[in-house]
Every structure is written in structure tokens, then in C-alpha cells.
N, C-alpha and C. Protein backbone atom coordinates (compact mmCIF):
# COMPACT_ATOMS: atom_id res chain seq x y z
N MET A 1 286.98 51.80 26.01
CA MET A 1 285.91 52.34 25.18
C MET A 1 286.02 53.86 25.15
N ASN A 2 285.90 54.39 24.00
CA ASN A 2 285.92 55.83 23.82
C ASN A 2 284.59 56.40 24.32
N PRO A 3 284.61 57.38 25.24
CA PRO A 3 283.36 57.92 25.78
C PRO A 3 282.46 58.57 24.74
N THR A 4 282.98 58.84 23.56
CA THR A 4 282.14 59.45 22.53
C THR A 4 281.41 58.40 21.69
N ASP A 5 281.72 57.12 21.88
CA ASP A 5 281.08 56.07 21.08
C ASP A 5 279.57 56.01 21.29
N LEU A 6 279.12 56.05 22.53
CA LEU A 6 277.69 55.95 22.81
C LEU A 6 276.91 57.14 22.24
N PRO A 7 277.33 58.38 22.49
CA PRO A 7 276.60 59.50 21.89
C PRO A 7 276.59 59.43 20.35
N ALA A 8 277.70 59.02 19.76
CA ALA A 8 277.75 58.91 18.29
C ALA A 8 276.77 57.86 17.80
N CYS A 9 276.68 56.76 18.50
CA CYS A 9 275.75 55.69 18.13
C CYS A 9 274.31 56.19 18.25
N ILE A 10 274.00 56.86 19.34
CA ILE A 10 272.64 57.39 19.54
C ILE A 10 272.31 58.42 18.47
N ASN A 11 273.25 59.31 18.18
CA ASN A 11 273.03 60.31 17.13
C ASN A 11 272.75 59.65 15.78
N ALA A 12 273.51 58.62 15.45
CA ALA A 12 273.32 57.93 14.18
C ALA A 12 271.95 57.26 14.12
N LYS A 13 271.55 56.62 15.19
CA LYS A 13 270.24 55.97 15.23
C LYS A 13 269.11 56.99 15.13
N LEU A 14 269.25 58.11 15.84
CA LEU A 14 268.22 59.15 15.76
C LEU A 14 268.14 59.75 14.36
N ALA A 15 269.29 59.98 13.74
CA ALA A 15 269.31 60.51 12.38
C ALA A 15 268.58 59.55 11.44
N ARG A 16 268.84 58.27 11.58
CA ARG A 16 268.18 57.26 10.75
C ARG A 16 266.67 57.26 11.01
N TYR A 17 266.28 57.36 12.28
CA TYR A 17 264.86 57.39 12.63
C TYR A 17 264.16 58.55 11.94
N PHE A 18 264.76 59.74 12.03
CA PHE A 18 264.12 60.92 11.43
C PHE A 18 264.11 60.84 9.91
N GLU A 19 265.13 60.24 9.33
CA GLU A 19 265.15 60.06 7.87
C GLU A 19 264.03 59.13 7.43
N GLN A 20 263.78 58.09 8.22
CA GLN A 20 262.76 57.10 7.86
C GLN A 20 261.34 57.61 8.07
N LEU A 21 261.19 58.73 8.77
CA LEU A 21 259.85 59.30 8.94
C LEU A 21 259.28 59.75 7.61
N ASP A 22 260.15 60.10 6.68
CA ASP A 22 259.74 60.46 5.32
C ASP A 22 258.61 61.49 5.32
N GLY A 23 258.84 62.59 6.05
CA GLY A 23 257.87 63.67 6.07
C GLY A 23 256.82 63.59 7.17
N GLU A 24 256.69 62.44 7.80
CA GLU A 24 255.75 62.31 8.92
C GLU A 24 256.26 63.12 10.11
N GLN A 25 255.35 63.60 10.92
CA GLN A 25 255.73 64.40 12.08
C GLN A 25 256.17 63.50 13.24
N ALA A 26 257.29 63.82 13.84
CA ALA A 26 257.80 63.06 14.99
C ALA A 26 257.05 63.47 16.25
N SER A 27 256.88 62.51 17.16
CA SER A 27 256.21 62.78 18.42
C SER A 27 256.67 61.77 19.46
N GLY A 28 256.89 62.23 20.67
CA GLY A 28 257.25 61.33 21.76
C GLY A 28 258.62 60.69 21.63
N VAL A 29 259.54 61.40 21.01
CA VAL A 29 260.87 60.84 20.75
C VAL A 29 261.62 60.54 22.06
N TYR A 30 261.56 61.44 23.02
CA TYR A 30 262.27 61.21 24.28
C TYR A 30 261.77 59.93 24.95
N LYS A 31 260.47 59.77 25.05
CA LYS A 31 259.90 58.58 25.69
C LYS A 31 260.29 57.32 24.92
N MET A 32 260.25 57.40 23.60
CA MET A 32 260.61 56.26 22.76
C MET A 32 262.05 55.84 23.04
N VAL A 33 262.97 56.80 23.07
CA VAL A 33 264.38 56.50 23.29
C VAL A 33 264.58 55.91 24.68
N MET A 34 263.97 56.51 25.68
CA MET A 34 264.15 56.02 27.05
C MET A 34 263.57 54.61 27.20
N ASN A 35 262.44 54.32 26.57
CA ASN A 35 261.84 52.99 26.64
C ASN A 35 262.69 51.94 25.94
N GLU A 36 263.52 52.36 25.01
CA GLU A 36 264.42 51.43 24.34
C GLU A 36 265.73 51.27 25.10
N VAL A 37 266.28 52.36 25.60
CA VAL A 37 267.61 52.34 26.20
C VAL A 37 267.60 51.87 27.65
N GLU A 38 266.63 52.32 28.43
CA GLU A 38 266.65 52.02 29.86
C GLU A 38 266.60 50.52 30.17
N PRO A 39 265.69 49.75 29.58
CA PRO A 39 265.68 48.32 29.94
C PRO A 39 266.94 47.58 29.51
N VAL A 40 267.50 47.96 28.37
CA VAL A 40 268.73 47.32 27.90
C VAL A 40 269.87 47.61 28.88
N THR A 41 269.96 48.86 29.33
CA THR A 41 271.01 49.26 30.27
C THR A 41 270.86 48.53 31.60
N ILE A 42 269.64 48.50 32.12
CA ILE A 42 269.40 47.83 33.40
C ILE A 42 269.71 46.35 33.29
N LYS A 43 269.24 45.71 32.22
CA LYS A 43 269.50 44.28 32.05
C LYS A 43 271.00 43.99 31.96
N PHE A 44 271.72 44.82 31.22
CA PHE A 44 273.17 44.63 31.07
C PHE A 44 273.86 44.70 32.44
N VAL A 45 273.53 45.72 33.22
CA VAL A 45 274.17 45.90 34.53
C VAL A 45 273.78 44.77 35.47
N LEU A 46 272.52 44.36 35.46
CA LEU A 46 272.09 43.25 36.32
C LEU A 46 272.87 41.98 35.99
N GLU A 47 273.04 41.69 34.71
CA GLU A 47 273.80 40.51 34.32
C GLU A 47 275.27 40.65 34.70
N LEU A 48 275.79 41.86 34.60
CA LEU A 48 277.18 42.13 34.96
C LEU A 48 277.46 41.80 36.42
N VAL A 49 276.49 42.05 37.29
CA VAL A 49 276.68 41.84 38.74
C VAL A 49 275.90 40.63 39.25
N ASN A 50 275.59 39.71 38.32
CA ASN A 50 274.88 38.47 38.70
C ASN A 50 273.58 38.75 39.45
N HIS A 51 272.86 39.75 39.01
CA HIS A 51 271.54 40.15 39.53
C HIS A 51 271.58 40.62 40.99
N ASN A 52 272.70 41.11 41.44
CA ASN A 52 272.80 41.72 42.76
C ASN A 52 272.22 43.13 42.64
N GLN A 53 270.98 43.29 43.13
CA GLN A 53 270.28 44.56 42.94
C GLN A 53 270.93 45.72 43.68
N SER A 54 271.51 45.46 44.83
CA SER A 54 272.19 46.54 45.55
C SER A 54 273.37 47.07 44.75
N GLU A 55 274.16 46.15 44.20
CA GLU A 55 275.32 46.56 43.40
C GLU A 55 274.86 47.22 42.10
N ALA A 56 273.83 46.67 41.48
CA ALA A 56 273.32 47.26 40.23
C ALA A 56 272.80 48.67 40.47
N SER A 57 272.08 48.88 41.56
CA SER A 57 271.55 50.21 41.84
C SER A 57 272.68 51.20 42.09
N ARG A 58 273.76 50.74 42.73
CA ARG A 58 274.91 51.61 42.96
C ARG A 58 275.55 51.99 41.62
N ILE A 59 275.76 51.01 40.75
CA ILE A 59 276.38 51.27 39.46
C ILE A 59 275.51 52.19 38.61
N LEU A 60 274.21 51.94 38.62
CA LEU A 60 273.28 52.74 37.81
C LEU A 60 273.02 54.12 38.40
N GLY A 61 273.31 54.28 39.69
CA GLY A 61 273.07 55.57 40.33
C GLY A 61 271.60 55.82 40.61
N MET A 62 270.90 54.74 40.95
CA MET A 62 269.48 54.89 41.30
C MET A 62 269.18 54.14 42.58
N ASN A 63 268.14 54.56 43.24
CA ASN A 63 267.67 53.94 44.46
C ASN A 63 267.30 52.49 44.19
N ARG A 64 267.57 51.60 45.14
CA ARG A 64 267.26 50.18 44.95
C ARG A 64 265.77 49.95 44.75
N GLY A 65 264.94 50.71 45.44
CA GLY A 65 263.49 50.60 45.26
C GLY A 65 263.07 50.97 43.84
N THR A 66 263.69 52.01 43.31
CA THR A 66 263.42 52.42 41.93
C THR A 66 263.85 51.33 40.96
N LEU A 67 265.00 50.74 41.22
CA LEU A 67 265.48 49.66 40.38
C LEU A 67 264.50 48.50 40.39
N LYS A 68 264.02 48.13 41.56
CA LYS A 68 263.06 47.02 41.66
C LYS A 68 261.80 47.32 40.85
N LYS A 69 261.31 48.55 40.91
CA LYS A 69 260.13 48.92 40.13
C LYS A 69 260.40 48.81 38.64
N LYS A 70 261.58 49.23 38.22
CA LYS A 70 261.92 49.17 36.80
C LYS A 70 262.12 47.73 36.34
N ILE A 71 262.65 46.87 37.20
CA ILE A 71 262.79 45.46 36.87
C ILE A 71 261.41 44.85 36.64
N GLU A 72 260.45 45.21 37.48
CA GLU A 72 259.08 44.72 37.31
C GLU A 72 258.44 45.32 36.05
N LEU A 73 258.64 46.62 35.85
CA LEU A 73 258.06 47.30 34.69
C LEU A 73 258.52 46.67 33.38
N TYR A 74 259.81 46.42 33.28
CA TYR A 74 260.39 45.88 32.05
C TYR A 74 260.45 44.35 32.03
N LYS A 75 259.92 43.74 33.09
CA LYS A 75 259.91 42.28 33.20
C LYS A 75 261.31 41.68 33.02
N LEU A 76 262.24 42.25 33.78
CA LEU A 76 263.61 41.78 33.74
C LEU A 76 263.82 40.75 34.86
């Protein structure tokens, strides 16, 4: 995978989002993006490691306790 694929995809989606605002003022974009991306990323990694939370937390670079909270938050 080309490391520029993900940023290009995010840029394209953000450009589309702002185009669709059609003059409306944007607000809370960072939170919106994180709420969309974070659960998908966590779910993908959990499935990759057969729900081994220790391994998933290592891959994600987050504390296992934080991962557990996010699993509960996103109902994963």
C-alpha cells in the first residue's frame, strides 16, 4: 500500500464534505472525522488480531485500558 493513499482518500472526502455544505458554515470537523475514523480503525485492528486486546493496543499505539474504554464507547 502506498503511504499516500490514506491521506489522499481523507483529503478527497473532506473536499466533498465542504463542497456539499453549499455555503453553510462548517463546525466540529475534527470531532466528526475522529468519530468516523477511530471506531473503524479500532474494529479493523481488533478483527485482524482476533480480538486480542493486548496485541491490538500494541498495534494501535494506545494503552490497553484506553482501548477497552474505546471498545465500550463505540460498542465494538
